[in-house]
Protein backbone atom coordinates (compact mmCIF):
# COMPACT_ATOMS: atom_id res chain seq x y z
CA MET A 1 45.62 51.29 42.14
CA GLU A 2 47.87 51.76 45.16
CA ARG A 3 49.96 54.93 45.46
CA HIS A 4 52.90 55.79 47.69
CA ASP A 5 55.55 58.43 48.06
CA VAL A 6 58.40 55.91 48.18
CA LEU A 7 58.29 52.29 47.04
CA VAL A 8 61.22 50.08 48.07
CA VAL A 9 61.58 46.86 46.06
CA GLY A 10 63.38 44.27 48.15
CA ALA A 11 63.15 43.58 51.89
CA GLY A 12 66.69 42.59 52.83
CA LEU A 13 69.07 44.81 54.76
CA ALA A 14 69.41 47.44 52.02
CA GLY A 15 65.68 47.59 51.38
CA GLN A 16 64.65 47.75 55.03
CA ARG A 17 67.29 50.38 55.81
CA ALA A 18 66.14 52.48 52.85
CA ALA A 19 62.53 52.15 53.94
CA LEU A 20 63.33 53.10 57.53
CA ALA A 21 65.18 56.22 56.39
CA ALA A 22 62.28 57.26 54.17
CA ILE A 23 59.76 56.64 56.94
CA GLN A 24 61.82 58.73 59.36
CA ALA A 25 61.76 61.52 56.75
CA GLY A 26 57.97 61.56 56.97
CA ARG A 27 57.07 59.89 53.67
CA ASP A 28 54.37 57.29 52.93
CA VAL A 29 56.48 54.17 52.31
CA ALA A 30 55.80 50.70 50.94
CA ILE A 31 58.06 47.65 50.60
CA LEU A 32 57.52 45.10 47.84
CA SER A 33 59.21 41.72 48.25
CA LYS A 34 59.08 38.36 46.49
CA LEU A 35 59.46 36.58 49.84
CA HIS A 36 59.08 37.18 53.56
CA PRO A 37 61.58 39.84 54.71
CA LEU A 38 63.34 37.50 57.15
CA ARG A 39 63.98 35.04 54.30
CA SER A 40 65.90 37.68 52.35
CA HIS A 41 69.37 36.67 51.18
CA SER A 42 70.98 39.13 53.61
CA GLY A 43 70.34 36.49 56.25
CA ALA A 44 72.74 34.09 54.51
CA ALA A 45 75.78 36.31 55.13
CA GLN A 46 77.91 34.57 57.71
CA GLY A 47 81.29 36.02 58.55
CA GLY A 48 80.88 39.62 59.66
CA ILE A 49 80.70 43.35 59.00
CA ASN A 50 83.74 45.61 58.72
CA ALA A 51 84.32 48.72 60.82
CA ALA A 52 87.47 50.40 62.07
CA LEU A 53 86.60 50.57 65.76
CA GLY A 54 89.16 50.80 68.51
CA ALA A 55 92.45 52.66 68.91
CA GLU A 56 94.53 50.01 67.12
CA ASP A 57 92.71 50.30 63.78
CA SER A 58 92.06 53.34 61.61
CA VAL A 59 89.50 54.43 59.03
CA ASP A 60 92.37 55.26 56.67
CA THR A 61 93.58 51.66 56.82
CA HIS A 62 90.07 50.42 56.04
CA ILE A 63 89.91 52.83 53.10
CA TYR A 64 93.28 51.72 51.74
CA ASP A 65 92.46 48.01 52.12
CA THR A 66 89.21 48.53 50.19
CA VAL A 67 90.93 50.53 47.43
CA LYS A 68 93.64 47.89 47.10
CA GLY A 69 91.12 45.07 47.27
CA SER A 70 89.16 46.66 44.42
CA ASP A 71 92.32 46.43 42.28
CA TYR A 72 92.10 50.23 42.15
CA LEU A 73 88.81 50.26 40.23
CA GLY A 74 86.76 51.39 43.24
CA ASP A 75 85.75 55.06 43.35
CA GLN A 76 87.86 56.46 46.17
CA ASP A 77 85.44 59.24 47.15
CA ALA A 78 82.72 56.63 47.65
CA ILE A 79 85.10 54.33 49.53
CA GLU A 80 86.13 57.14 51.89
CA PHE A 81 82.51 58.00 52.67
CA PHE A 82 81.68 54.31 53.11
CA CYS A 83 84.50 53.57 55.56
CA LYS A 84 83.86 56.72 57.62
CA GLU A 85 80.23 55.64 58.04
CA ALA A 86 81.20 52.12 59.12
CA GLY A 87 81.68 52.73 62.85
CA PRO A 88 78.46 54.73 63.39
CA THR A 89 76.54 52.16 61.33
CA VAL A 90 77.68 49.20 63.42
CA VAL A 91 76.96 51.09 66.65
CA GLU A 92 73.49 51.99 65.37
CA MET A 93 72.76 48.34 64.55
CA GLU A 94 73.91 47.32 68.02
CA HIS A 95 71.52 49.89 69.48
CA PHE A 96 68.78 48.38 67.30
CA GLY A 97 69.38 45.11 69.13
CA THR A 98 71.94 43.17 67.11
CA ILE A 99 73.59 40.63 69.39
CA PHE A 100 77.24 40.71 68.30
CA SER A 101 79.86 38.33 69.65
CA ARG A 102 82.03 39.78 72.42
CA GLY A 103 85.64 39.58 73.45
CA ASP A 104 86.79 38.59 76.93
CA ASP A 105 86.77 42.26 77.97
CA GLY A 106 83.18 42.75 76.77
CA SER A 107 84.11 44.73 73.65
CA LEU A 108 82.88 43.80 70.19
CA ALA A 109 84.76 40.72 69.01
CA ARG A 110 86.69 41.07 65.76
CA ARG A 111 88.20 38.53 63.39
CA ALA A 112 90.61 38.73 60.46
CA PHE A 113 89.25 38.67 56.92
CA GLY A 114 91.02 38.35 53.59
CA GLY A 115 92.72 41.43 52.17
CA ALA A 116 92.45 43.39 55.40
CA GLY A 117 95.46 44.93 57.12
CA PHE A 118 93.80 44.63 60.52
CA PRO A 119 91.22 42.24 62.06
CA ARG A 120 88.24 44.62 61.85
CA THR A 121 85.43 42.22 60.98
CA ILE A 122 82.79 42.38 63.72
CA TYR A 123 80.59 39.30 63.86
CA ALA A 124 77.76 37.39 65.46
CA ALA A 125 79.30 33.88 65.47
CA ASP A 126 78.81 32.79 61.83
CA ARG A 127 75.27 34.15 61.47
CA THR A 128 76.03 37.87 61.22
CA GLY A 129 73.68 38.65 58.35
CA LEU A 130 70.76 36.94 60.07
CA ALA A 131 71.46 38.75 63.34
CA LEU A 132 71.46 42.12 61.58
CA LEU A 133 68.36 41.28 59.55
CA GLN A 134 66.37 40.23 62.60
CA ALA A 135 67.33 43.36 64.53
CA LEU A 136 66.47 45.68 61.64
CA TYR A 137 63.16 43.90 61.00
CA GLU A 138 62.21 44.36 64.65
CA ARG A 139 63.16 48.05 64.42
CA ILE A 140 61.20 48.78 61.26
CA GLY A 141 58.29 46.82 62.70
CA THR A 142 57.75 49.68 65.14
CA GLU A 143 56.96 52.00 62.21
CA SER A 144 53.96 52.28 59.91
CA PHE A 145 54.42 51.17 56.30
CA THR A 146 52.78 48.97 53.66
CA LEU A 147 54.25 45.54 52.88
CA TYR A 148 53.51 43.79 49.58
CA GLU A 149 54.76 40.31 50.41
CA GLU A 150 55.23 37.62 47.74
CA TRP A 151 54.99 39.99 44.81
CA ASP A 152 57.37 39.77 41.84
CA LEU A 153 58.69 42.92 40.17
CA THR A 154 58.18 42.63 36.41
CA SER A 155 58.89 46.13 35.08
CA ILE A 156 59.63 49.71 36.04
CA VAL A 157 57.59 52.42 34.35
CA VAL A 158 59.55 55.46 33.14
CA ARG A 159 57.68 58.24 31.36
CA GLU A 160 58.05 62.01 31.03
CA GLY A 161 61.73 61.61 31.95
CA ARG A 162 61.12 60.12 35.38
CA CYS A 163 60.14 56.94 37.20
CA GLN A 164 56.38 56.63 37.72
CA GLY A 165 56.23 53.35 39.66
CA VAL A 166 56.33 49.63 38.93
CA ILE A 167 54.33 46.73 37.55
CA ALA A 168 54.34 43.68 39.83
CA PHE A 169 52.87 40.19 39.83
CA ASN A 170 50.77 39.32 42.87
CA ARG A 171 51.42 35.63 43.51
CA LEU A 172 48.29 35.25 45.63
CA SER A 173 45.80 36.74 43.16
CA GLY A 174 47.69 35.81 39.99
CA SER A 175 47.29 39.34 38.64
CA PHE A 176 49.67 41.97 37.30
CA GLU A 177 49.14 45.25 39.08
CA PRO A 178 50.59 48.76 38.83
CA ILE A 179 51.89 50.44 41.99
CA ALA A 180 52.40 54.17 41.61
CA ALA A 181 55.23 55.90 43.46
CA LYS A 182 57.01 59.23 43.25
CA SER A 183 60.31 57.46 43.86
CA VAL A 184 61.36 53.82 43.65
CA VAL A 185 64.35 52.21 45.41
CA ILE A 186 65.65 48.96 43.91
CA ALA A 187 67.17 46.75 46.62
CA THR A 188 66.47 43.32 45.17
CA GLY A 189 69.93 41.89 45.81
CA PRO A 190 72.10 39.73 43.58
CA ALA A 191 71.76 37.80 40.34
CA GLY A 192 74.01 34.89 41.28
CA ARG A 193 71.61 32.28 39.93
CA VAL A 194 72.79 33.05 36.41
CA TYR A 195 75.43 30.53 37.49
CA GLY A 196 74.71 26.94 38.50
CA ARG A 197 77.51 26.62 41.05
CA THR A 198 76.74 29.54 43.34
CA THR A 199 76.39 30.32 47.03
CA ASN A 200 73.34 32.46 46.23
CA ALA A 201 69.80 31.45 47.19
CA HIS A 202 67.34 30.31 44.53
CA THR A 203 65.59 33.69 44.77
CA CYS A 204 68.73 35.63 43.71
CA THR A 205 67.70 36.15 40.10
CA GLY A 206 68.48 39.84 39.59
CA ASP A 207 64.88 40.93 39.03
CA GLY A 208 65.42 44.55 40.02
CA ILE A 209 68.68 44.91 38.10
CA ALA A 210 67.10 43.53 34.93
CA ALA A 211 63.96 45.65 35.28
CA ALA A 212 66.05 48.79 35.75
CA TYR A 213 68.19 47.84 32.74
CA ARG A 214 65.10 47.40 30.57
CA ALA A 215 63.79 50.76 31.80
CA GLY A 216 66.95 52.56 30.66
CA ALA A 217 69.19 52.49 33.73
CA ALA A 218 72.91 52.05 33.10
CA LEU A 219 74.45 48.90 34.58
CA LYS A 220 78.00 49.41 35.81
CA ASP A 221 80.89 46.90 35.81
CA MET A 222 78.78 43.77 35.33
CA GLU A 223 81.78 41.79 34.05
CA PHE A 224 83.26 41.62 37.56
CA VAL A 225 81.91 38.45 39.17
CA GLN A 226 83.37 37.24 42.46
CA PHE A 227 83.93 33.57 43.19
CA HIS A 228 84.15 32.72 46.87
CA PRO A 229 87.12 30.44 47.51
CA THR A 230 85.40 28.08 49.92
CA ALA A 231 82.04 26.54 49.13
CA LEU A 232 81.08 22.96 50.01
CA LEU A 233 82.03 20.67 47.15
CA GLU A 234 78.64 19.21 46.17
CA SER A 235 76.08 21.73 47.39
CA SER A 236 78.01 25.02 46.94
CA ILE A 237 76.89 26.10 50.41
CA LEU A 238 79.08 28.95 51.63
CA ILE A 239 81.86 28.24 54.11
CA THR A 240 82.53 31.67 55.55
CA GLU A 241 85.85 33.45 55.19
CA GLY A 242 85.56 33.70 58.95
CA ALA A 243 86.68 30.05 59.09
CA ARG A 244 90.06 31.13 57.72
CA GLY A 245 89.90 34.27 59.84
CA GLU A 246 89.73 32.04 62.91
CA GLY A 247 92.83 30.17 61.71
CA GLY A 248 91.56 27.67 59.13
CA ILE A 249 94.15 26.40 56.64
CA LEU A 250 93.81 25.40 52.98
CA LYS A 251 95.73 22.32 51.83
CA ASN A 252 96.01 20.54 48.50
CA GLY A 253 96.05 16.82 47.72
CA LYS A 254 99.76 16.63 48.55
CA GLY A 255 99.17 18.03 52.03
CA GLU A 256 100.79 21.34 51.13
CA ARG A 257 99.66 24.70 52.47
CA PHE A 258 99.71 25.94 48.90
CA MET A 259 98.79 29.59 49.53
CA SER A 260 102.44 30.20 50.40
CA ARG A 261 103.07 30.11 46.64
CA TYR A 262 100.44 32.74 45.82
CA ALA A 263 100.30 35.09 48.84
CA PRO A 264 103.42 34.48 50.96
CA HIS A 265 102.73 37.34 53.38
CA VAL A 266 99.09 36.66 54.31
CA LEU A 267 98.63 33.07 53.06
CA ASP A 268 94.99 31.93 53.33
CA LEU A 269 93.80 35.49 54.04
CA ALA A 270 94.62 37.00 50.67
CA SER A 271 91.74 38.65 48.81
CA ARG A 272 89.04 36.36 47.46
CA ASP A 273 90.01 36.58 43.81
CA VAL A 274 93.60 35.60 44.62
CA VAL A 275 92.58 32.62 46.76
CA SER A 276 89.97 31.42 44.26
CA ARG A 277 92.46 31.47 41.40
CA ALA A 278 95.01 29.68 43.57
CA ILE A 279 92.60 26.85 44.39
CA TRP A 280 91.54 26.56 40.76
CA THR A 281 95.17 26.44 39.63
CA GLU A 282 96.07 23.76 42.17
CA VAL A 283 93.24 21.54 40.95
CA GLU A 284 93.87 22.19 37.24
CA GLU A 285 97.57 21.39 37.62
CA GLY A 286 96.82 18.07 39.32
CA ARG A 287 97.51 18.94 42.94
CA GLY A 288 93.92 18.72 44.12
CA PHE A 289 92.12 15.71 45.54
CA PRO A 290 90.54 13.14 43.18
CA GLY A 291 87.28 14.66 41.99
CA GLY A 292 88.73 18.16 41.89
CA TYR A 293 88.81 20.01 45.22
CA VAL A 294 91.02 21.05 48.13
CA HIS A 295 90.69 20.78 51.90
CA LEU A 296 89.91 23.44 54.48
CA GLU A 297 91.30 22.26 57.82
CA LEU A 298 89.88 23.53 61.12
CA MET A 299 90.74 20.58 63.35
CA HIS A 300 93.74 22.29 64.98
CA LEU A 301 91.47 25.09 66.30
CA GLY A 302 89.88 22.78 68.87
CA GLN A 303 86.30 21.68 69.39
CA GLU A 304 85.20 24.58 71.61
CA LYS A 305 86.33 27.30 69.22
CA ILE A 306 84.92 25.53 66.16
CA GLU A 307 81.52 24.80 67.68
CA THR A 308 81.01 28.24 69.25
CA ARG A 309 82.41 30.63 66.64
CA LEU A 310 81.60 28.48 63.59
CA GLU A 311 78.46 26.70 64.71
CA GLU A 312 76.63 27.03 61.40
CA ILE A 313 79.67 25.81 59.47
CA CYS A 314 79.68 22.71 61.68
CA ASP A 315 76.02 22.07 60.92
CA PHE A 316 76.45 22.57 57.16
CA SER A 317 79.54 20.36 56.96
CA ARG A 318 77.95 17.54 58.93
CA LYS A 319 74.56 17.63 57.18
CA PHE A 320 75.53 18.41 53.59
CA ALA A 321 79.07 17.02 53.23
CA GLY A 322 79.05 14.23 55.80
CA VAL A 323 82.21 15.47 57.52
CA ASP A 324 82.77 16.67 61.07
CA PRO A 325 85.09 19.73 60.92
CA VAL A 326 86.19 19.06 64.50
CA THR A 327 87.95 15.89 63.37
CA GLU A 328 87.96 16.01 59.54
CA PRO A 329 88.90 18.48 56.78
CA ILE A 330 86.11 20.13 54.77
CA PRO A 331 86.12 19.55 50.96
CA VAL A 332 85.81 22.94 49.23
CA MET A 333 85.98 24.56 45.80
CA PRO A 334 85.22 28.12 44.62
CA ALA A 335 81.66 29.05 43.66
CA GLN A 336 80.08 32.22 42.30
CA HIS A 337 79.29 34.45 45.25
CA TYR A 338 78.87 38.14 44.39
CA ILE A 339 78.58 40.49 41.42
CA MET A 340 80.54 43.69 41.94
CA GLY A 341 78.49 45.35 39.20
CA GLY A 342 74.89 46.48 39.29
CA ILE A 343 72.69 49.49 38.67
CA GLY A 344 75.03 52.46 38.48
CA THR A 345 74.46 54.98 41.28
CA ASN A 346 76.14 57.86 43.06
CA LEU A 347 76.67 58.11 46.82
CA ARG A 348 73.00 58.95 47.33
CA GLY A 349 71.73 55.94 45.41
CA GLU A 350 70.58 58.08 42.48
CA THR A 351 70.61 56.43 39.04
CA ASN A 352 70.59 58.04 35.60
CA ILE A 353 66.76 57.90 35.74
CA LYS A 354 65.09 60.62 37.80
CA GLY A 355 63.14 59.15 40.69
CA LEU A 356 64.84 55.74 40.49
CA PHE A 357 67.31 54.79 43.23
CA ALA A 358 69.22 51.61 44.08
CA ALA A 359 71.20 50.15 46.98
CA GLY A 360 72.87 46.94 48.11
CA GLU A 361 74.15 44.27 45.74
CA ALA A 362 71.63 45.37 43.12
CA ALA A 363 73.56 48.65 42.89
CA CYS A 364 77.11 49.64 41.97
CA VAL A 365 78.34 52.80 43.72
CA SER A 366 81.30 51.67 43.08
CA ILE A 367 83.12 50.77 46.28
CA HIS A 368 84.08 47.20 45.40
CA GLY A 369 85.59 47.91 41.99
CA ALA A 370 86.98 44.72 40.48
CA ASN A 371 86.92 42.68 43.70
CA ARG A 372 85.00 42.95 46.98
CA LEU A 373 86.58 42.41 50.37
CA GLY A 374 84.72 40.12 52.74
CA GLY A 375 82.87 42.03 55.46
CA ASN A 376 82.17 45.03 53.23
CA SER A 377 78.91 43.77 51.71
CA LEU A 378 76.80 43.82 54.88
CA LEU A 379 78.16 47.28 55.60
CA GLU A 380 77.30 48.42 52.08
CA THR A 381 73.65 47.41 52.45
CA LEU A 382 73.23 49.53 55.57
CA VAL A 383 75.33 52.56 54.63
CA PHE A 384 73.96 53.02 51.13
CA GLY A 385 70.50 51.68 51.91
CA LYS A 386 70.17 54.57 54.34
CA GLN A 387 71.50 57.09 51.80
CA ALA A 388 69.13 55.85 49.08
CA GLY A 389 66.18 56.07 51.46
CA ILE A 390 67.04 59.64 52.46
CA ALA A 391 67.48 60.70 48.84
CA ALA A 392 64.29 58.97 47.68
CA ALA A 393 62.33 60.68 50.46
CA GLU A 394 63.76 64.08 49.56
CA TYR A 395 62.88 63.58 45.91
CA ALA A 396 59.36 62.36 46.72
CA LYS A 397 58.74 65.42 48.88
CA VAL A 398 58.97 67.76 45.88
CA ALA A 399 58.16 65.45 42.95
CA PRO A 400 54.83 65.68 41.16
CA ALA A 401 52.32 62.88 41.60
CA SER A 402 52.87 59.72 39.56
CA THR A 403 50.91 59.51 36.32
CA LEU A 404 50.97 55.70 36.25
CA ARG A 405 47.79 54.23 34.78
CA GLU A 406 45.96 50.95 35.44
CA SER A 407 46.30 50.01 31.78
CA GLU A 408 50.09 49.99 32.00
CA ALA A 409 50.01 46.53 33.56
CA GLU A 410 48.42 45.09 30.43
CA PRO A 411 51.59 44.45 28.36
CA ASP A 412 53.15 42.33 31.13
CA ALA A 413 49.90 40.42 31.60
CA ALA A 414 49.56 39.87 27.86
CA ARG A 415 53.12 38.58 27.58
CA VAL A 416 52.49 35.96 30.27
CA LYS A 417 49.12 35.05 28.79
CA ALA A 418 50.83 34.30 25.50
CA MET A 419 53.27 32.01 27.32
CA SER A 420 50.35 30.17 28.94
CA ASN A 421 48.34 29.83 25.71
CA ARG A 422 51.11 28.18 23.71
CA ALA A 423 50.38 24.58 22.75
CA GLU A 424 54.09 23.96 22.28
CA GLY A 425 57.25 25.49 23.67
CA GLU A 426 60.09 24.92 26.09
CA GLU A 427 59.85 25.00 29.87
CA PRO A 428 61.76 27.90 31.47
CA GLN A 429 63.67 25.56 33.78
CA ARG A 430 65.38 23.89 30.82
CA LEU A 431 66.55 27.24 29.48
CA ARG A 432 67.70 28.28 32.95
CA MET A 433 69.81 25.15 33.38
CA GLU A 434 71.42 25.57 29.97
CA MET A 435 72.23 29.21 30.80
CA GLN A 436 73.82 28.19 34.08
CA ASN A 437 75.95 25.55 32.35
CA VAL A 438 77.19 28.14 29.85
CA MET A 439 78.13 30.57 32.61
CA ASP A 440 79.78 27.90 34.78
CA THR A 441 81.92 26.46 32.00
CA GLN A 442 82.75 29.52 29.88
CA VAL A 443 82.46 32.66 32.06
CA GLY A 444 84.20 31.50 35.20
CA ILE A 445 87.28 32.25 37.28
CA TYR A 446 89.52 32.28 34.19
CA ARG A 447 88.25 33.70 30.91
CA ALA A 448 89.40 33.91 27.28
CA PHE A 449 87.94 35.41 24.13
CA SER A 450 87.09 32.11 22.45
CA ALA A 451 85.08 30.82 25.42
CA LEU A 452 83.40 34.20 25.99
CA ALA A 453 82.41 34.46 22.31
CA ASN A 454 80.93 30.96 22.45
CA ALA A 455 79.08 31.91 25.63
CA LEU A 456 77.61 35.03 24.03
CA ARG A 457 76.34 33.04 21.04
CA ALA A 458 74.82 30.47 23.39
CA ILE A 459 73.09 33.04 25.60
CA ARG A 460 71.67 34.89 22.60
CA ALA A 461 70.36 31.60 21.23
CA LEU A 462 68.69 30.98 24.59
CA GLN A 463 67.16 34.47 24.48
CA ALA A 464 65.66 33.64 21.09
CA ARG A 465 64.30 30.36 22.41
CA PHE A 466 62.90 32.18 25.44
CA GLU A 467 60.60 34.13 23.11
CA LYS A 468 58.67 30.87 22.70
CA VAL A 469 58.82 29.70 26.31
CA ARG A 470 55.73 27.92 27.60
CA ILE A 471 54.05 28.02 31.01
CA VAL A 472 52.36 24.64 31.52
CA ASP A 473 50.87 25.27 34.98
CA PRO A 474 47.39 26.84 34.60
CA SER A 475 47.17 27.87 38.27
CA SER A 476 46.35 31.46 39.14
CA THR A 477 47.61 31.23 42.73
CA PHE A 478 51.31 30.81 43.59
CA ASN A 479 52.18 29.68 40.08
CA LEU A 480 55.91 28.98 40.45
CA ASN A 481 56.16 27.88 36.82
CA LEU A 482 55.17 31.43 35.89
CA THR A 483 57.60 33.08 38.30
CA ASP A 484 60.32 30.74 37.03
CA ALA A 485 59.70 32.09 33.53
CA LEU A 486 59.82 35.71 34.70
CA GLU A 487 63.09 35.12 36.56
CA THR A 488 64.69 33.27 33.66
CA GLY A 489 63.98 36.20 31.36
CA HIS A 490 65.65 38.57 33.81
CA MET A 491 68.72 36.37 34.14
CA LEU A 492 69.24 35.89 30.41
CA ASP A 493 69.44 39.68 30.01
CA LEU A 494 71.97 39.97 32.82
CA ALA A 495 74.08 37.04 31.61
CA GLU A 496 74.42 38.87 28.29
CA THR A 497 75.64 42.07 29.98
CA ILE A 498 78.24 40.12 31.99
CA ILE A 499 79.63 38.46 28.87
CA VAL A 500 79.62 41.55 26.64
CA GLY A 501 81.48 43.54 29.29
CA ALA A 502 83.95 40.70 29.81
CA ILE A 503 84.72 40.42 26.10
CA ALA A 504 85.35 44.14 25.83
CA ARG A 505 87.65 44.38 28.87
CA THR A 506 90.94 43.16 27.40
CA GLU A 507 92.90 42.98 30.64
CA SER A 508 92.98 41.06 33.92
CA ARG A 509 91.85 43.02 36.98
CA GLY A 510 90.50 41.70 40.27
CA ALA A 511 87.95 38.95 39.69
CA HIS A 512 88.12 39.39 35.90
CA ALA A 513 91.04 37.18 34.84
CA ARG A 514 91.71 36.84 31.10
CA THR A 515 94.21 34.15 30.12
CA ASP A 516 94.67 35.91 26.76
CA TYR A 517 95.25 39.29 28.50
CA PRO A 518 96.95 38.29 31.78
CA LYS A 519 98.14 41.76 32.84
CA ARG A 520 96.27 44.72 34.32
CA ASP A 521 96.18 47.57 31.79
CA ASP A 522 95.84 50.87 33.65
CA ALA A 523 96.56 52.91 30.53
CA HIS A 524 93.39 51.72 28.78
CA TRP A 525 91.13 50.13 31.40
CA MET A 526 91.20 52.30 34.50
CA ARG A 527 87.53 53.02 33.82
CA HIS A 528 84.06 51.72 34.60
CA THR A 529 81.97 49.83 32.06
CA LEU A 530 78.42 51.14 31.55
CA ALA A 531 75.88 48.92 29.77
CA THR A 532 72.54 50.26 28.55
CA TYR A 533 69.74 48.26 26.96
CA SER A 534 69.01 48.08 23.25
CA HIS A 535 67.15 45.53 21.12
CA GLU A 536 70.48 44.55 19.56
CA GLY A 537 72.10 43.88 22.92
CA PRO A 538 73.98 45.88 25.57
CA LYS A 539 75.48 49.15 24.38
CA LEU A 540 78.74 49.87 26.18
CA SER A 541 80.20 53.18 27.23
CA TYR A 542 82.75 54.07 29.89
CA ALA A 543 83.18 56.39 32.87
CA PRO A 544 86.31 57.44 34.77
CA VAL A 545 87.31 56.06 38.15
CA ALA A 546 87.28 58.66 40.95
CA TYR A 547 90.64 59.22 42.65
CA THR A 548 91.45 60.96 45.91
CA ARG A 549 94.72 59.79 47.48
CA TRP A 550 95.87 56.41 46.18
CA GLU A 551 97.45 55.90 42.78
CA PRO A 552 97.29 52.41 41.28
CA LYS A 553 100.20 50.09 41.99
CA GLU A 554 100.85 46.37 41.85
CA ARG A 555 98.54 44.49 44.19
CA VAL A 556 100.56 42.04 46.29
CA TYR A 557 99.46 40.04 49.34
């Protein structure tokens, strides 16, 4: 059995930054990833990374914009720390070799993003996440560490009041194996594939979040699910907010620039929840185009600007929608994009389980509160990935050796063997598709008790059916039918936590919009939802929101 001081699960920006910090602290570090590090979902981030650099902007403005964007549910102490670290983090990544776009004077180019009071989003054309990921991978490649590539996390072992390591499925050997570690950092990214219409990659199945939940970690604010306003109509491929930051305009089927009705001061650059609801309303009230969508127009920006600053958007629009954004509008509709909730942590990435840490979209610090601002997610991975890695290394330095045993992989192996030995049963893909349909149709941009209650019954019925799921592929090497089953189990657990939290929160705040409770209720709901696992379903409790300087007020754009 392999043993390490620090095991990082996930090889995107948060995972690599955590690993680098732990390596620099002198610990024996390993990274476990279900796919090659450069294929991590961090590379799909397009528009940019926020930092208040330059005399015109200020850290305080960045802090306020983030607090306001969160609909005042973000913890202000965490937000202050986060925004103060932004400038040094971007400079560090440039020194690591990130090739950012430049202005005419040679300074870092910046573009406007929704909900921001100043254009502080630094970018690398429309491939910012990939540029950061490549630079960080090259940097960590100069260090010594162990990489478990194409391994699936199945469970986290907690015993004697602390994390002892993980059980993981080796896709190459087809075996379940324990990996002992004094500390474990979960950086497995999002769970967006609980929805069918999502900008998330097929690998974004919330494995680490679900494993932590099953191990006893508290999940925070899972009911807050962000829908990105602009995704390609058929494929749900992301069309970056940077397209509107460069001057793109949304128009309805009547040719109206409809955002003037919803955000008269900032128009198309309101926060994502506001723009998504506006688009949805336009379509529902009959002002969309036939088939249910709106247009994003870039044509007035000119060919040079479109093809240099939005090169990837051009490629996606031409290949997947059959339109040329230089001469034609892009058909868009909102799609699930981000989950503000995740494994509850403090500023150092510590969870309620000793020795277990988390960072990135798998975690909830909380800086995003009820709604995330564009450009803050890439920054979050690096700022809090680093903090989690430092804290995990410090803990591993003094922690006793893991007591994980070889035999502790047997329950996971037995569970999968039972799935494979069944003569009858449903395929996991069928259950996954039914789950996604439930989430798309009943737990979307607008919510109400009746639909949420129906969704909860449907998801719990799917969980019961999952107990008899069948793996038909007998292969022992790269058995994707098996990994599909593992992922579907994770997602069903997380779908339940989203719905239970959404039913309980009887208000509208940020991305959580209840038609039966249309107002924000600060008197009762200025608090974080905490969900912990039980055999009967998620058990909810609540925690206060941390305040420093800004009292809640009406959020207007």
